[in-house]
């Protein structure tokens, strides 16, 4: 598989993750406690893919590295908001766990990319 094909697959995966976050959040009961958490989750969960698209269109290696690092940070933030959501939507544990697992995998992928770049490969 070429780098271009791998990149396209990760772009699709991050987009699919954002879509899954949106679909899930649409099913949640929003109140004055959960609503800010849901909004933050949607923002960070969809930002991962948006930043990955930007990384793929980066103007330099430094710009690419920065965008990938932002992808990792947004993934970590998304996992945080998923954990916070458990405190007000514990009956949704299975779906939250599934999204958290995908988020953990994305964090590891972006960390590997950042480490590879830093090691000059």
Protein backbone atom coordinates (compact mmCIF):
# COMPACT_ATOMS: atom_id res chain seq x y z
CA UNK A 1 0.00 0.00 0.00
CA UNK A 2 1.39 3.42 -0.95
CA UNK A 3 1.68 6.39 1.41
CA UNK A 4 -1.05 8.08 -0.58
CA UNK A 5 -3.41 5.13 -0.07
CA UNK A 6 -2.60 4.97 3.64
CA UNK A 7 -3.17 8.70 3.94
CA UNK A 8 -6.54 8.44 2.17
CA UNK A 9 -7.62 5.57 4.47
CA UNK A 10 -6.72 7.59 7.57
CA UNK A 11 -8.55 10.59 6.15
CA UNK A 12 -11.65 8.41 5.67
CA UNK A 13 -11.25 6.90 9.13
CA UNK A 14 -11.06 10.29 10.85
CA UNK A 15 -14.06 11.53 8.86
CA UNK A 16 -16.03 8.41 9.79
CA UNK A 17 -15.09 8.93 13.44
CA UNK A 18 -16.39 12.51 13.33
CA UNK A 19 -19.60 11.29 11.72
CA UNK A 20 -20.02 8.63 14.44
CA UNK A 21 -19.53 11.25 17.14
CA UNK A 22 -22.20 13.44 15.56
CA UNK A 23 -24.66 10.53 15.18
CA UNK A 24 -24.08 9.47 18.77
CA UNK A 25 -24.50 13.00 20.14
CA UNK A 26 -27.82 13.35 18.29
CA UNK A 27 -29.17 10.45 20.37
CA UNK A 28 -28.22 11.96 23.73
CA UNK A 29 -30.57 13.76 26.07
CA UNK A 30 -29.29 17.31 26.26
CA UNK A 31 -29.74 19.27 29.48
CA UNK A 32 -27.85 22.11 31.10
CA UNK A 33 -25.18 19.67 32.37
CA UNK A 34 -24.69 17.46 29.32
CA UNK A 35 -25.15 20.10 26.61
CA UNK A 36 -21.74 21.82 27.06
CA UNK A 37 -20.01 18.42 27.14
CA UNK A 38 -21.84 17.29 24.00
CA UNK A 39 -20.88 20.52 22.21
CA UNK A 40 -17.22 20.15 23.18
CA UNK A 41 -17.24 16.49 22.13
CA UNK A 42 -18.62 17.37 18.69
CA UNK A 43 -16.06 20.14 18.25
CA UNK A 44 -13.04 18.07 19.18
CA UNK A 45 -14.28 14.85 17.55
CA UNK A 46 -14.83 16.49 14.18
CA UNK A 47 -11.69 18.60 14.43
CA UNK A 48 -9.48 15.51 14.21
CA UNK A 49 -10.42 14.85 10.60
CA UNK A 50 -10.42 18.53 9.65
CA UNK A 51 -6.86 18.92 10.91
CA UNK A 52 -5.79 15.73 9.18
CA UNK A 53 -7.08 17.10 5.86
CA UNK A 54 -5.10 20.28 6.57
CA UNK A 55 -2.00 18.20 7.35
CA UNK A 56 -2.30 16.44 4.00
CA UNK A 57 -2.35 19.84 2.32
CA UNK A 58 0.44 21.32 4.42
CA UNK A 59 2.79 23.85 2.87
CA UNK A 60 5.88 22.46 4.60
CA UNK A 61 7.16 19.59 6.72
CA UNK A 62 6.91 21.85 9.80
CA UNK A 63 3.29 22.71 8.95
CA UNK A 64 2.52 19.01 8.44
CA UNK A 65 4.08 18.09 11.79
CA UNK A 66 2.15 20.83 13.57
CA UNK A 67 -1.19 19.71 12.09
CA UNK A 68 -0.52 16.07 12.97
CA UNK A 69 0.31 17.10 16.52
CA UNK A 70 -2.99 19.02 16.63
CA UNK A 71 -4.76 15.85 15.43
CA UNK A 72 -3.24 14.00 18.37
CA UNK A 73 -4.22 16.75 20.83
CA UNK A 74 -7.79 16.85 19.50
CA UNK A 75 -7.98 13.06 19.80
CA UNK A 76 -6.85 13.26 23.42
CA UNK A 77 -9.36 16.03 24.11
CA UNK A 78 -12.12 13.96 22.53
CA UNK A 79 -11.28 11.04 24.78
CA UNK A 80 -11.47 13.41 27.76
CA UNK A 81 -14.96 14.63 26.78
CA UNK A 82 -16.10 11.04 26.25
CA UNK A 83 -14.97 10.27 29.80
CA UNK A 84 -16.84 13.33 31.10
CA UNK A 85 -19.93 12.21 29.22
CA UNK A 86 -19.91 8.97 31.18
CA UNK A 87 -20.66 10.95 34.33
CA UNK A 88 -23.95 12.25 32.92
CA UNK A 89 -24.85 9.49 30.43
CA UNK A 90 -23.65 6.29 32.08
CA UNK A 91 -26.41 4.30 30.37
CA UNK A 92 -24.54 4.94 27.09
CA UNK A 93 -21.37 3.22 28.32
CA UNK A 94 -21.08 0.73 25.44
CA UNK A 95 -21.22 3.39 22.73
CA UNK A 96 -18.90 5.69 24.69
CA UNK A 97 -16.44 2.81 25.17
CA UNK A 98 -16.51 2.07 21.43
CA UNK A 99 -15.82 5.70 20.54
CA UNK A 100 -13.12 5.89 23.24
CA UNK A 101 -11.41 2.82 21.81
CA UNK A 102 -11.33 4.31 18.31
CA UNK A 103 -10.09 7.56 19.80
CA UNK A 104 -7.29 5.71 21.62
CA UNK A 105 -6.28 4.06 18.35
CA UNK A 106 -6.21 7.44 16.57
CA UNK A 107 -4.03 8.87 19.36
CA UNK A 108 -1.56 6.03 18.88
CA UNK A 109 -1.52 6.50 15.09
CA UNK A 110 -0.87 10.23 15.36
CA UNK A 111 1.76 9.68 18.07
CA UNK A 112 3.54 7.21 15.79
CA UNK A 113 3.50 9.73 12.93
CA UNK A 114 4.90 12.48 15.19
CA UNK A 115 7.59 10.12 16.55
CA UNK A 116 8.58 9.05 13.05
CA UNK A 117 8.92 12.65 11.93
CA UNK A 118 10.95 13.59 15.02
CA UNK A 119 13.28 10.64 14.42
CA UNK A 120 13.91 11.91 10.90
CA UNK A 121 12.38 9.00 9.04
